[in-house]
Amino acid sequence: MQPILSAGIWPSWAKLQMDPRQRPRLLEIIQNLRERITEARGNGWLGEVEGLQVSFEAASAKLNTLKRALADGRPQLVDLGMPVFADAALSPRPESVAREPKG
Protein backbone atom coordinates (compact mmCIF):
# COMPACT_ATOMS: atom_id res chain seq x y z
CA MET A 1 0.00 0.00 0.00
CA GLN A 2 1.53 3.29 -1.09
CA PRO A 3 0.84 6.44 0.91
CA ILE A 4 -0.99 9.23 -0.89
CA LEU A 5 1.12 12.38 -0.83
CA SER A 6 -0.21 15.83 -1.57
CA ALA A 7 1.97 18.28 -3.47
CA GLY A 8 4.57 19.77 -1.15
CA ILE A 9 3.59 17.63 1.84
CA TRP A 10 6.10 14.86 2.41
CA PRO A 11 6.50 12.77 5.55
CA SER A 12 9.88 13.06 7.24
CA TRP A 13 10.97 9.59 6.07
CA ALA A 14 10.57 10.68 2.44
CA LYS A 15 13.21 13.37 2.86
CA LEU A 16 16.05 10.95 3.59
CA GLN A 17 18.40 11.20 0.67
CA MET A 18 22.10 11.51 0.12
CA ASP A 19 23.61 14.93 -0.41
CA PRO A 20 25.07 14.96 -3.96
CA ARG A 21 28.04 16.98 -2.66
CA GLN A 22 29.13 13.87 -0.74
CA ARG A 23 29.71 11.85 -3.94
CA PRO A 24 33.52 12.36 -3.96
CA ARG A 25 33.71 11.14 -0.35
CA LEU A 26 31.58 8.10 -1.21
CA LEU A 27 33.92 7.29 -4.11
CA GLU A 28 36.90 7.49 -1.69
CA ILE A 29 35.14 5.12 0.69
CA ILE A 30 34.42 2.63 -2.10
CA GLN A 31 38.04 2.73 -3.30
CA ASN A 32 39.31 2.27 0.25
CA LEU A 33 37.00 -0.72 0.74
CA ARG A 34 38.32 -2.29 -2.50
CA GLU A 35 41.90 -1.93 -1.25
CA ARG A 36 41.03 -3.34 2.18
CA ILE A 37 39.24 -6.32 0.62
CA THR A 38 42.32 -7.06 -1.51
CA GLU A 39 44.57 -6.82 1.55
CA ALA A 40 42.30 -9.04 3.64
CA ARG A 41 42.14 -11.68 0.90
CA GLY A 42 45.94 -11.61 0.60
CA ASN A 43 46.28 -12.22 4.34
CA GLY A 44 43.62 -14.93 4.43
CA TRP A 45 41.28 -12.94 6.71
CA LEU A 46 38.07 -14.47 5.41
CA GLY A 47 35.84 -13.00 8.12
CA GLU A 48 37.22 -9.54 7.43
CA VAL A 49 36.67 -10.02 3.68
CA GLU A 50 33.02 -10.88 4.31
CA GLY A 51 32.41 -7.84 6.51
CA LEU A 52 34.17 -5.49 4.11
CA GLN A 53 32.20 -6.95 1.20
CA VAL A 54 28.92 -6.10 2.97
CA SER A 55 30.12 -2.52 3.47
CA PHE A 56 31.30 -2.32 -0.15
CA GLU A 57 27.93 -3.49 -1.47
CA ALA A 58 26.08 -0.96 0.72
CA ALA A 59 28.32 1.89 -0.42
CA SER A 60 27.90 0.85 -4.06
CA ALA A 61 24.11 0.78 -3.61
CA LYS A 62 24.24 4.31 -2.20
CA LEU A 63 26.26 5.45 -5.20
CA ASN A 64 23.72 3.89 -7.58
CA THR A 65 20.87 5.60 -5.71
CA LEU A 66 22.69 8.90 -6.00
CA LYS A 67 23.23 8.37 -9.74
CA ARG A 68 19.49 7.68 -10.24
CA ALA A 69 18.55 10.77 -8.23
CA LEU A 70 20.86 12.96 -10.31
CA ALA A 71 19.63 11.40 -13.56
CA ASP A 72 15.93 12.11 -13.14
CA GLY A 73 16.21 15.15 -10.86
CA ARG A 74 13.56 13.91 -8.45
CA PRO A 75 14.20 13.15 -4.79
CA GLN A 76 14.39 9.42 -4.18
CA LEU A 77 12.31 7.85 -1.45
CA VAL A 78 14.12 5.62 0.99
CA ASP A 79 12.47 2.37 2.01
CA LEU A 80 13.06 1.96 5.72
CA GLY A 81 11.35 -1.39 5.83
CA MET A 82 8.70 -0.20 8.27
CA PRO A 83 5.37 -2.07 8.24
CA VAL A 84 2.26 -0.32 6.96
CA PHE A 85 -1.07 -1.32 8.49
CA ALA A 86 -3.80 -1.23 5.87
CA ASP A 87 -6.55 -1.53 8.46
CA ALA A 88 -6.56 -0.24 12.03
CA ALA A 89 -8.15 -3.54 13.09
CA LEU A 90 -4.95 -5.33 12.14
CA SER A 91 -2.73 -3.24 14.39
CA PRO A 92 -1.99 -4.67 17.85
CA ARG A 93 -3.84 -3.12 20.78
CA PRO A 94 -2.86 -3.36 24.44
CA GLU A 95 -6.32 -4.60 25.51
CA SER A 96 -6.15 -7.48 23.01
CA VAL A 97 -3.09 -8.98 24.70
CA ALA A 98 -3.97 -12.27 26.36
CA ARG A 99 -3.82 -12.14 30.13
CA GLU A 100 -3.33 -15.05 32.46
CA PRO A 101 -6.29 -15.82 34.71
CA LYS A 102 -5.84 -14.93 38.36
CA GLY A 103 -6.08 -17.57 40.86
PDB file of N, CA and C in Angstrom:
ATOM      1  N   MET A   1       0.840  -1.178   0.000  1.00  0.00           N
ATOM      2  CA  MET A   1       0.000   0.000   0.000  1.00  0.00           C
ATOM      3  C   MET A   1       0.885   1.241   0.000  1.00  0.00           C
ATOM      4  N   GLN A   2       0.745   2.071  -0.979  1.00  0.00           N
ATOM      5  CA  GLN A   2       1.533   3.290  -1.089  1.00  0.00           C
ATOM      6  C   GLN A   2       0.790   4.455  -0.445  1.00  0.00           C
ATOM      7  N   PRO A   3       1.497   5.282   0.335  1.00  0.00           N
ATOM      8  CA  PRO A   3       0.836   6.443   0.915  1.00  0.00           C
ATOM      9  C   PRO A   3       0.499   7.467  -0.164  1.00  0.00           C
ATOM     10  N   ILE A   4      -0.595   8.170   0.032  1.00  0.00           N
ATOM     11  CA  ILE A   4      -0.986   9.225  -0.895  1.00  0.00           C
ATOM     12  C   ILE A   4      -0.370  10.517  -0.391  1.00  0.00           C
ATOM     13  N   LEU A   5       0.411  11.169  -1.228  1.00  0.00           N
ATOM     14  CA  LEU A   5       1.116  12.379  -0.827  1.00  0.00           C
ATOM     15  C   LEU A   5       0.601  13.566  -1.622  1.00  0.00           C
ATOM     16  N   SER A   6       0.215  14.600  -0.916  1.00  0.00           N
ATOM     17  CA  SER A   6      -0.213  15.835  -1.571  1.00  0.00           C
ATOM     18  C   SER A   6       1.022  16.599  -2.017  1.00  0.00           C
ATOM     19  N   ALA A   7       0.850  17.476  -2.969  1.00  0.00           N
ATOM     20  CA  ALA A   7       1.971  18.277  -3.469  1.00  0.00           C
ATOM     21  C   ALA A   7       2.575  19.100  -2.343  1.00  0.00           C
ATOM     22  N   GLY A   8       3.864  18.967  -2.154  1.00  0.00           N
ATOM     23  CA  GLY A   8       4.567  19.766  -1.153  1.00  0.00           C
ATOM     24  C   GLY A   8       4.485  19.223   0.263  1.00  0.00           C
ATOM     25  N   ILE A   9       3.705  18.189   0.488  1.00  0.00           N
ATOM     26  CA  ILE A   9       3.588  17.629   1.841  1.00  0.00           C
ATOM     27  C   ILE A   9       4.196  16.235   1.816  1.00  0.00           C
ATOM     28  N   TRP A  10       5.383  16.126   2.380  1.00  0.00           N
ATOM     29  CA  TRP A  10       6.095  14.862   2.407  1.00  0.00           C
ATOM     30  C   TRP A  10       6.358  14.472   3.837  1.00  0.00           C
ATOM     31  N   PRO A  11       6.150  13.216   4.194  1.00  0.00           N
ATOM     32  CA  PRO A  11       6.500  12.771   5.545  1.00  0.00           C
ATOM     33  C   PRO A  11       8.009  12.838   5.731  1.00  0.00           C
ATOM     34  N   SER A  12       8.444  12.903   6.979  1.00  0.00           N
ATOM     35  CA  SER A  12       9.876  13.064   7.245  1.00  0.00           C
ATOM     36  C   SER A  12      10.707  11.936   6.657  1.00  0.00           C
ATOM     37  N   TRP A  13      10.185  10.697   6.606  1.00  0.00           N
ATOM     38  CA  TRP A  13      10.970   9.589   6.073  1.00  0.00           C
ATOM     39  C   TRP A  13      11.220   9.744   4.580  1.00  0.00           C
ATOM     40  N   ALA A  14      10.388  10.516   3.885  1.00  0.00           N
ATOM     41  CA  ALA A  14      10.569  10.678   2.442  1.00  0.00           C
ATOM     42  C   ALA A  14      11.697  11.650   2.114  1.00  0.00           C
ATOM     43  N   LYS A  15      12.174  12.378   3.098  1.00  0.00           N
ATOM     44  CA  LYS A  15      13.208  13.372   2.859  1.00  0.00           C
ATOM     45  C   LYS A  15      14.617  12.812   3.032  1.00  0.00           C
ATOM     46  N   LEU A  16      14.738  11.550   3.391  1.00  0.00           N
ATOM     47  CA  LEU A  16      16.048  10.948   3.593  1.00  0.00           C
ATOM     48  C   LEU A  16      16.685  10.651   2.243  1.00  0.00           C
ATOM     49  N   GLN A  17      17.681  11.423   1.898  1.00  0.00           N
ATOM     50  CA  GLN A  17      18.402  11.200   0.666  1.00  0.00           C
ATOM     51  C   GLN A  17      19.835  11.683   0.839  1.00  0.00           C
ATOM     52  N   MET A  18      20.702  11.164   0.007  1.00  0.00           N
ATOM     53  CA  MET A  18      22.104  11.508   0.119  1.00  0.00           C
ATOM     54  C   MET A  18      22.379  12.863  -0.515  1.00  0.00           C
ATOM     55  N   ASP A  19      23.210  13.632   0.118  1.00  0.00           N
ATOM     56  CA  ASP A  19      23.610  14.932  -0.407  1.00  0.00           C
ATOM     57  C   ASP A  19      24.557  14.698  -1.589  1.00  0.00           C
ATOM     58  N   PRO A  20      24.221  15.185  -2.782  1.00  0.00           N
ATOM     59  CA  PRO A  20      25.073  14.959  -3.957  1.00  0.00           C
ATOM     60  C   PRO A  20      26.494  15.489  -3.782  1.00  0.00           C
ATOM     61  N   ARG A  21      26.690  16.451  -2.891  1.00  0.00           N
ATOM     62  CA  ARG A  21      28.039  16.985  -2.665  1.00  0.00           C
ATOM     63  C   ARG A  21      28.944  15.963  -1.972  1.00  0.00           C
ATOM     64  N   GLN A  22      28.357  14.903  -1.423  1.00  0.00           N
ATOM     65  CA  GLN A  22      29.135  13.872  -0.740  1.00  0.00           C
ATOM     66  C   GLN A  22      29.617  12.763  -1.681  1.00  0.00           C
ATOM     67  N   ARG A  23      29.316  12.881  -2.976  1.00  0.00           N
ATOM     68  CA  ARG A  23      29.709  11.855  -3.943  1.00  0.00           C
ATOM     69  C   ARG A  23      31.218  11.598  -3.958  1.00  0.00           C
ATOM     70  N   PRO A  24      32.067  12.637  -3.969  1.00  0.00           N
ATOM     71  CA  PRO A  24      33.519  12.362  -3.961  1.00  0.00           C
ATOM     72  C   PRO A  24      33.950  11.574  -2.723  1.00  0.00           C
ATOM     73  N   ARG A  25      33.367  11.873  -1.585  1.00  0.00           N
ATOM     74  CA  ARG A  25      33.708  11.137  -0.354  1.00  0.00           C
ATOM     75  C   ARG A  25      33.261   9.690  -0.468  1.00  0.00           C
ATOM     76  N   LEU A  26      32.084   9.464  -1.028  1.00  0.00           N
ATOM     77  CA  LEU A  26      31.583   8.102  -1.209  1.00  0.00           C
ATOM     78  C   LEU A  26      32.496   7.313  -2.146  1.00  0.00           C
ATOM     79  N   LEU A  27      32.989   7.954  -3.199  1.00  0.00           N
ATOM     80  CA  LEU A  27      33.924   7.289  -4.107  1.00  0.00           C
ATOM     81  C   LEU A  27      35.227   6.924  -3.393  1.00  0.00           C
ATOM     82  N   GLU A  28      35.699   7.804  -2.494  1.00  0.00           N
ATOM     83  CA  GLU A  28      36.900   7.490  -1.688  1.00  0.00           C
ATOM     84  C   GLU A  28      36.653   6.279  -0.806  1.00  0.00           C
ATOM     85  N   ILE A  29      35.480   6.241  -0.191  1.00  0.00           N
ATOM     86  CA  ILE A  29      35.136   5.118   0.692  1.00  0.00           C
ATOM     87  C   ILE A  29      35.114   3.813  -0.102  1.00  0.00           C
ATOM     88  N   ILE A  30      34.502   3.836  -1.271  1.00  0.00           N
ATOM     89  CA  ILE A  30      34.424   2.632  -2.104  1.00  0.00           C
ATOM     90  C   ILE A  30      35.819   2.164  -2.515  1.00  0.00           C
ATOM     91  N   GLN A  31      36.665   3.087  -2.926  1.00  0.00           N
ATOM     92  CA  GLN A  31      38.041   2.728  -3.302  1.00  0.00           C
ATOM     93  C   GLN A  31      38.806   2.148  -2.118  1.00  0.00           C
ATOM     94  N   ASN A  32      38.652   2.763  -0.953  1.00  0.00           N
ATOM     95  CA  ASN A  32      39.309   2.269   0.251  1.00  0.00           C
ATOM     96  C   ASN A  32      38.832   0.862   0.597  1.00  0.00           C
ATOM     97  N   LEU A  33      37.540   0.621   0.454  1.00  0.00           N
ATOM     98  CA  LEU A  33      37.004  -0.715   0.736  1.00  0.00           C
ATOM     99  C   LEU A  33      37.574  -1.746  -0.238  1.00  0.00           C
ATOM    100  N   ARG A  34      37.706  -1.370  -1.509  1.00  0.00           N
ATOM    101  CA  ARG A  34      38.315  -2.286  -2.497  1.00  0.00           C
ATOM    102  C   ARG A  34      39.731  -2.674  -2.069  1.00  0.00           C
ATOM    103  N   GLU A  35      40.512  -1.669  -1.660  1.00  0.00           N
ATOM    104  CA  GLU A  35      41.898  -1.928  -1.247  1.00  0.00           C
ATOM    105  C   GLU A  35      41.942  -2.793   0.006  1.00  0.00           C
ATOM    106  N   ARG A  36      41.049  -2.544   0.946  1.00  0.00           N
ATOM    107  CA  ARG A  36      41.031  -3.335   2.182  1.00  0.00           C
ATOM    108  C   ARG A  36      40.596  -4.772   1.920  1.00  0.00           C
ATOM    109  N   ILE A  37      39.662  -4.963   0.983  1.00  0.00           N
ATOM    110  CA  ILE A  37      39.236  -6.322   0.623  1.00  0.00           C
ATOM    111  C   ILE A  37      40.404  -7.085   0.009  1.00  0.00           C
ATOM    112  N   THR A  38      41.149  -6.430  -0.886  1.00  0.00           N
ATOM    113  CA  THR A  38      42.319  -7.058  -1.514  1.00  0.00           C
ATOM    114  C   THR A  38      43.349  -7.447  -0.459  1.00  0.00           C
ATOM    115  N   GLU A  39      43.612  -6.531   0.484  1.00  0.00           N
ATOM    116  CA  GLU A  39      44.572  -6.816   1.552  1.00  0.00           C
ATOM    117  C   GLU A  39      44.105  -7.973   2.424  1.00  0.00           C
ATOM    118  N   ALA A  40      42.825  -7.972   2.779  1.00  0.00           N
ATOM    119  CA  ALA A  40      42.295  -9.036   3.640  1.00  0.00           C
ATOM    120  C   ALA A  40      42.352 -10.392   2.940  1.00  0.00           C
ATOM    121  N   ARG A  41      42.044 -10.415   1.654  1.00  0.00           N
ATOM    122  CA  ARG A  41      42.144 -11.678   0.897  1.00  0.00           C
ATOM    123  C   ARG A  41      43.587 -12.170   0.860  1.00  0.00           C
ATOM    124  N   GLY A  42      44.520 -11.248   0.651  1.00  0.00           N
ATOM    125  CA  GLY A  42      45.938 -11.606   0.600  1.00  0.00           C
ATOM    126  C   GLY A  42      46.446 -12.182   1.911  1.00  0.00           C
ATOM    127  N   ASN A  43      45.865 -11.733   3.021  1.00  0.00           N
ATOM    128  CA  ASN A  43      46.284 -12.216   4.336  1.00  0.00           C
ATOM    129  C   ASN A  43      45.449 -13.398   4.832  1.00  0.00           C
ATOM    130  N   GLY A  44      44.450 -13.795   4.034  1.00  0.00           N
ATOM    131  CA  GLY A  44      43.615 -14.929   4.430  1.00  0.00           C
ATOM    132  C   GLY A  44      42.612 -14.608   5.526  1.00  0.00           C
ATOM    133  N   TRP A  45      42.244 -13.349   5.670  1.00  0.00           N
ATOM    134  CA  TRP A  45      41.285 -12.938   6.708  1.00  0.00           C
ATOM    135  C   TRP A  45      39.871 -13.035   6.140  1.00  0.00           C
ATOM    136  N   LEU A  46      39.340 -14.239   6.079  1.00  0.00           N
ATOM    137  CA  LEU A  46      38.069 -14.471   5.408  1.00  0.00           C
ATOM    138  C   LEU A  46      36.898 -13.760   6.085  1.00  0.00           C
ATOM    139  N   GLY A  47      36.901 -13.711   7.400  1.00  0.00           N
ATOM    140  CA  GLY A  47      35.835 -12.999   8.116  1.00  0.00           C
ATOM    141  C   GLY A  47      35.857 -11.509   7.816  1.00  0.00           C
ATOM    142  N   GLU A  48      37.053 -10.966   7.747  1.00  0.00           N
ATOM    143  CA  GLU A  48      37.222  -9.544   7.427  1.00  0.00           C
ATOM    144  C   GLU A  48      36.768  -9.265   5.992  1.00  0.00           C
ATOM    145  N   VAL A  49      37.091 -10.175   5.076  1.00  0.00           N
ATOM    146  CA  VAL A  49      36.665 -10.022   3.679  1.00  0.00           C
ATOM    147  C   VAL A  49      35.148  -9.950   3.612  1.00  0.00           C
ATOM    148  N   GLU A  50      34.485 -10.839   4.334  1.00  0.00           N
ATOM    149  CA  GLU A  50      33.022 -10.884   4.312  1.00  0.00           C
ATOM    150  C   GLU A  50      32.414  -9.579   4.836  1.00  0.00           C
ATOM    151  N   GLY A  51      32.923  -9.083   5.947  1.00  0.00           N
ATOM    152  CA  GLY A  51      32.410  -7.836   6.515  1.00  0.00           C
ATOM    153  C   GLY A  51      32.655  -6.646   5.607  1.00  0.00           C
ATOM    154  N   LEU A  52      33.849  -6.583   5.025  1.00  0.00           N
ATOM    155  CA  LEU A  52      34.167  -5.492   4.109  1.00  0.00           C
ATOM    156  C   LEU A  52      33.321  -5.563   2.840  1.00  0.00           C
ATOM    157  N   GLN A  53      33.020  -6.779   2.390  1.00  0.00           N
ATOM    158  CA  GLN A  53      32.198  -6.954   1.198  1.00  0.00           C
ATOM    159  C   GLN A  53      30.787  -6.413   1.435  1.00  0.00           C
ATOM    160  N   VAL A  54      30.250  -6.632   2.621  1.00  0.00           N
ATOM    161  CA  VAL A  54      28.921  -6.096   2.965  1.00  0.00           C
ATOM    162  C   VAL A  54      28.951  -4.567   2.910  1.00  0.00           C
ATOM    163  N   SER A  55      29.981  -3.981   3.490  1.00  0.00           N
ATOM    164  CA  SER A  55      30.116  -2.518   3.468  1.00  0.00           C
ATOM    165  C   SER A  55      30.293  -2.001   2.040  1.00  0.00           C
ATOM    166  N   PHE A  56      31.083  -2.710   1.245  1.00  0.00           N
ATOM    167  CA  PHE A  56      31.305  -2.322  -0.149  1.00  0.00           C
ATOM    168  C   PHE A  56      29.994  -2.330  -0.934  1.00  0.00           C
ATOM    169  N   GLU A  57      29.206  -3.385  -0.757  1.00  0.00           N
ATOM    170  CA  GLU A  57      27.929  -3.488  -1.470  1.00  0.00           C
ATOM    171  C   GLU A  57      26.968  -2.377  -1.047  1.00  0.00           C
ATOM    172  N   ALA A  58      26.947  -2.043   0.247  1.00  0.00           N
ATOM    173  CA  ALA A  58      26.080  -0.962   0.723  1.00  0.00           C
ATOM    174  C   ALA A  58      26.520   0.383   0.154  1.00  0.00           C
ATOM    175  N   ALA A  59      27.814   0.634   0.124  1.00  0.00           N
ATOM    176  CA  ALA A  59      28.323   1.893  -0.424  1.00  0.00           C
ATOM    177  C   ALA A  59      28.046   1.976  -1.923  1.00  0.00           C
ATOM    178  N   SER A  60      28.191   0.870  -2.626  1.00  0.00           N
ATOM    179  CA  SER A  60      27.896   0.847  -4.063  1.00  0.00           C
ATOM    180  C   SER A  60      26.414   1.099  -4.320  1.00  0.00           C
ATOM    181  N   ALA A  61      25.557   0.547  -3.479  1.00  0.00           N
ATOM    182  CA  ALA A  61      24.112   0.775  -3.613  1.00  0.00           C
ATOM    183  C   ALA A  61      23.783   2.251  -3.392  1.00  0.00           C
ATOM    184  N   LYS A  62      24.451   2.881  -2.425  1.00  0.00           N
ATOM    185  CA  LYS A  62      24.237   4.313  -2.198  1.00  0.00           C
ATOM    186  C   LYS A  62      24.664   5.122  -3.412  1.00  0.00           C
ATOM    187  N   LEU A  63      25.777   4.742  -4.013  1.00  0.00           N
ATOM    188  CA  LEU A  63      26.256   5.450  -5.197  1.00  0.00           C
ATOM    189  C   LEU A  63      25.254   5.304  -6.344  1.00  0.00           C
ATOM    190  N   ASN A  64      24.717   4.106  -6.534  1.00  0.00           N
ATOM    191  CA  ASN A  64      23.718   3.895  -7.582  1.00  0.00           C
ATOM    192  C   ASN A  64      22.456   4.707  -7.322  1.00  0.00           C
ATOM    193  N   THR A  65      22.035   4.787  -6.072  1.00  0.00           N
ATOM    194  CA  THR A  65      20.870   5.595  -5.711  1.00  0.00           C
ATOM    195  C   THR A  65      21.132   7.058  -6.024  1.00  0.00           C
ATOM    196  N   LEU A  66      22.320   7.517  -5.712  1.00  0.00           N
ATOM    197  CA  LEU A  66      22.690   8.902  -5.997  1.00  0.00           C
ATOM    198  C   LEU A  66      22.691   9.157  -7.504  1.00  0.00           C
ATOM    199  N   LYS A  67      23.208   8.210  -8.279  1.00  0.00           N
ATOM    200  CA  LYS A  67      23.225   8.368  -9.739  1.00  0.00           C
ATOM    201  C   LYS A  67      21.810   8.475 -10.292  1.00  0.00           C
ATOM    202  N   ARG A  68      20.888   7.628  -9.790  1.00  0.00           N
ATOM    203  CA  ARG A  68      19.493   7.680 -10.242  1.00  0.00           C
ATOM    204  C   ARG A  68      18.845   9.013  -9.877  1.00  0.00           C
ATOM    205  N   ALA A  69      19.129   9.504  -8.673  1.00  0.00           N
ATOM    206  CA  ALA A  69      18.547  10.770  -8.227  1.00  0.00           C
ATOM    207  C   ALA A  69      19.039  11.917  -9.097  1.00  0.00           C
ATOM    208  N   LEU A  70      20.306  11.898  -9.465  1.00  0.00           N
ATOM    209  CA  LEU A  70      20.859  12.959 -10.311  1.00  0.00           C
ATOM    210  C   LEU A  70      20.336  12.846 -11.739  1.00  0.00           C
ATOM    211  N   ALA A  71      20.057  11.615 -12.179  1.00  0.00           N
ATOM    212  CA  ALA A  71      19.628  11.400 -13.561  1.00  0.00           C
ATOM    213  C   ALA A  71      18.217  11.927 -13.803  1.00  0.00           C
ATOM    214  N   ASP A  72      17.311  11.675 -12.886  1.00  0.00           N
ATOM    215  CA  ASP A  72      15.933  12.109 -13.139  1.00  0.00           C
ATOM    216  C   ASP A  72      15.562  13.388 -12.396  1.00  0.00           C
ATOM    217  N   GLY A  73      16.439  13.875 -11.525  1.00  0.00           N
ATOM    218  CA  GLY A  73      16.208  15.148 -10.862  1.00  0.00           C
ATOM    219  C   GLY A  73      15.173  15.137  -9.759  1.00  0.00           C
ATOM    220  N   ARG A  74      14.566  13.987  -9.504  1.00  0.00           N
ATOM    221  CA  ARG A  74      13.559  13.909  -8.448  1.00  0.00           C
ATOM    222  C   ARG A  74      14.184  13.332  -7.186  1.00  0.00           C
ATOM    223  N   PRO A  75      13.702  13.766  -6.026  1.00  0.00           N
ATOM    224  CA  PRO A  75      14.203  13.148  -4.791  1.00  0.00           C
ATOM    225  C   PRO A  75      13.775  11.683  -4.744  1.00  0.00           C
ATOM    226  N   GLN A  76      14.670  10.847  -4.269  1.00  0.00           N
ATOM    227  CA  GLN A  76      14.389   9.424  -4.181  1.00  0.00           C
ATOM    228  C   GLN A  76      13.877   9.079  -2.791  1.00  0.00           C
ATOM    229  N   LEU A  77      12.823   8.310  -2.727  1.00  0.00           N
ATOM    230  CA  LEU A  77      12.308   7.855  -1.448  1.00  0.00           C
ATOM    231  C   LEU A  77      13.198   6.730  -0.939  1.00  0.00           C
ATOM    232  N   VAL A  78      13.309   6.650   0.364  1.00  0.00           N
ATOM    233  CA  VAL A  78      14.124   5.619   0.989  1.00  0.00           C
ATOM    234  C   VAL A  78      13.203   4.655   1.703  1.00  0.00           C
ATOM    235  N   ASP A  79      13.284   3.383   1.361  1.00  0.00           N
ATOM    236  CA  ASP A  79      12.472   2.373   2.011  1.00  0.00           C
ATOM    237  C   ASP A  79      13.149   1.977   3.309  1.00  0.00           C
ATOM    238  N   LEU A  80      12.500   2.276   4.417  1.00  0.00           N
ATOM    239  CA  LEU A  80      13.058   1.960   5.723  1.00  0.00           C
ATOM    240  C   LEU A  80      12.625   0.591   6.218  1.00  0.00           C
ATOM    241  N   GLY A  81      11.782  -0.065   5.441  1.00  0.00           N
ATOM    242  CA  GLY A  81      11.347  -1.391   5.834  1.00  0.00           C
ATOM    243  C   GLY A  81      10.343  -1.390   6.973  1.00  0.00           C
ATOM    244  N   MET A  82       9.668  -0.287   7.186  1.00  0.00           N
ATOM    245  CA  MET A  82       8.695  -0.199   8.267  1.00  0.00           C
ATOM    246  C   MET A  82       7.364  -0.780   7.789  1.00  0.00           C
ATOM    247  N   PRO A  83       6.652  -1.500   8.657  1.00  0.00           N
ATOM    248  CA  PRO A  83       5.371  -2.072   8.243  1.00  0.00           C
ATOM    249  C   PRO A  83       4.310  -0.987   8.091  1.00  0.00           C
ATOM    250  N   VAL A  84       3.393  -1.213   7.167  1.00  0.00           N
ATOM    251  CA  VAL A  84       2.261  -0.316   6.962  1.00  0.00           C
ATOM    252  C   VAL A  84       1.004  -1.116   7.244  1.00  0.00           C
ATOM    253  N   PHE A  85       0.180  -0.635   8.158  1.00  0.00           N
ATOM    254  CA  PHE A  85      -1.065  -1.317   8.488  1.00  0.00           C
ATOM    255  C   PHE A  85      -2.162  -0.768   7.595  1.00  0.00           C
ATOM    256  N   ALA A  86      -2.752  -1.641   6.791  1.00  0.00           N
ATOM    257  CA  ALA A  86      -3.802  -1.226   5.872  1.00  0.00           C
ATOM    258  C   ALA A  86      -5.107  -0.975   6.610  1.00  0.00           C
ATOM    259  N   ASP A  87      -5.301  -1.645   7.718  1.00  0.00           N
ATOM    260  CA  ASP A  87      -6.545  -1.527   8.461  1.00  0.00           C
ATOM    261  C   ASP A  87      -6.201  -1.389   9.939  1.00  0.00           C
ATOM    262  N   ALA A  88      -6.838  -0.451  10.608  1.00  0.00           N
ATOM    263  CA  ALA A  88      -6.563  -0.238  12.033  1.00  0.00           C
ATOM    264  C   ALA A  88      -6.881  -1.483  12.845  1.00  0.00           C
ATOM    265  N   ALA A  89      -7.800  -2.316  12.368  1.00  0.00           N
ATOM    266  CA  ALA A  89      -8.153  -3.539  13.088  1.00  0.00           C
ATOM    267  C   ALA A  89      -7.009  -4.537  13.115  1.00  0.00           C
ATOM    268  N   LEU A  90      -6.074  -4.404  12.192  1.00  0.00           N
ATOM    269  CA  LEU A  90      -4.947  -5.331  12.136  1.00  0.00           C
ATOM    270  C   LEU A  90      -3.813  -4.938  13.073  1.00  0.00           C
ATOM    271  N   SER A  91      -3.818  -3.686  13.528  1.00  0.00           N
ATOM    272  CA  SER A  91      -2.728  -3.240  14.394  1.00  0.00           C
ATOM    273  C   SER A  91      -2.940  -3.759  15.809  1.00  0.00           C
ATOM    274  N   PRO A  92      -1.868  -4.125  16.498  1.00  0.00           N
ATOM    275  CA  PRO A  92      -1.990  -4.665  17.852  1.00  0.00           C
ATOM    276  C   PRO A  92      -2.474  -3.596  18.822  1.00  0.00           C
ATOM    277  N   ARG A  93      -3.323  -4.020  19.744  1.00  0.00           N
ATOM    278  CA  ARG A  93      -3.843  -3.124  20.777  1.00  0.00           C
ATOM    279  C   ARG A  93      -3.520  -3.707  22.144  1.00  0.00           C
ATOM    280  N   PRO A  94      -3.215  -2.852  23.109  1.00  0.00           N
ATOM    281  CA  PRO A  94      -2.860  -3.358  24.440  1.00  0.00           C
ATOM    282  C   PRO A  94      -3.960  -4.205  25.066  1.00  0.00           C
ATOM    283  N   GLU A  95      -5.238  -3.844  24.866  1.00  0.00           N
ATOM    284  CA  GLU A  95      -6.319  -4.598  25.507  1.00  0.00           C
ATOM    285  C   GLU A  95      -6.538  -5.960  24.859  1.00  0.00           C
ATOM    286  N   SER A  96      -5.961  -6.197  23.686  1.00  0.00           N
ATOM    287  CA  SER A  96      -6.155  -7.482  23.010  1.00  0.00           C
ATOM    288  C   SER A  96      -5.089  -8.500  23.411  1.00  0.00           C
ATOM    289  N   VAL A  97      -4.147  -8.079  24.248  1.00  0.00           N
ATOM    290  CA  VAL A  97      -3.094  -8.980  24.702  1.00  0.00           C
ATOM    291  C   VAL A  97      -3.703  -9.970  25.696  1.00  0.00           C
ATOM    292  N   ALA A  98      -3.426 -11.232  25.478  1.00  0.00           N
ATOM    293  CA  ALA A  98      -3.974 -12.271  26.364  1.00  0.00           C
ATOM    294  C   ALA A  98      -3.384 -12.116  27.758  1.00  0.00           C
ATOM    295  N   ARG A  99      -4.254 -12.224  28.749  1.00  0.00           N
ATOM    296  CA  ARG A  99      -3.815 -12.144  30.130  1.00  0.00           C
ATOM    297  C   ARG A  99      -4.061 -13.484  30.816  1.00  0.00           C
ATOM    298  N   GLU A 100      -3.163 -13.811  31.730  1.00  0.00           N
ATOM    299  CA  GLU A 100      -3.329 -15.055  32.464  1.00  0.00           C
ATOM    300  C   GLU A 100      -4.419 -14.892  33.500  1.00  0.00           C
ATOM    301  N   PRO A 101      -5.244 -15.935  33.690  1.00  0.00           N
ATOM    302  CA  PRO A 101      -6.290 -15.823  34.713  1.00  0.00           C
ATOM    303  C   PRO A 101      -5.685 -15.784  36.102  1.00  0.00           C
ATOM    304  N   LYS A 102      -6.309 -15.021  36.970  1.00  0.00           N
ATOM    305  CA  LYS A 102      -5.841 -14.933  38.363  1.00  0.00           C
ATOM    306  C   LYS A 102      -6.350 -16.146  39.121  1.00  0.00           C
ATOM    307  N   GLY A 103      -5.514 -16.586  40.014  1.00  0.00           N
ATOM    308  CA  GLY A 103      -6.082 -17.573  40.864  1.00  0.00           C
ATOM    309  C   GLY A 103      -5.353 -18.739  41.138  1.00  0.00           C
TER     310      GLY A 103
END
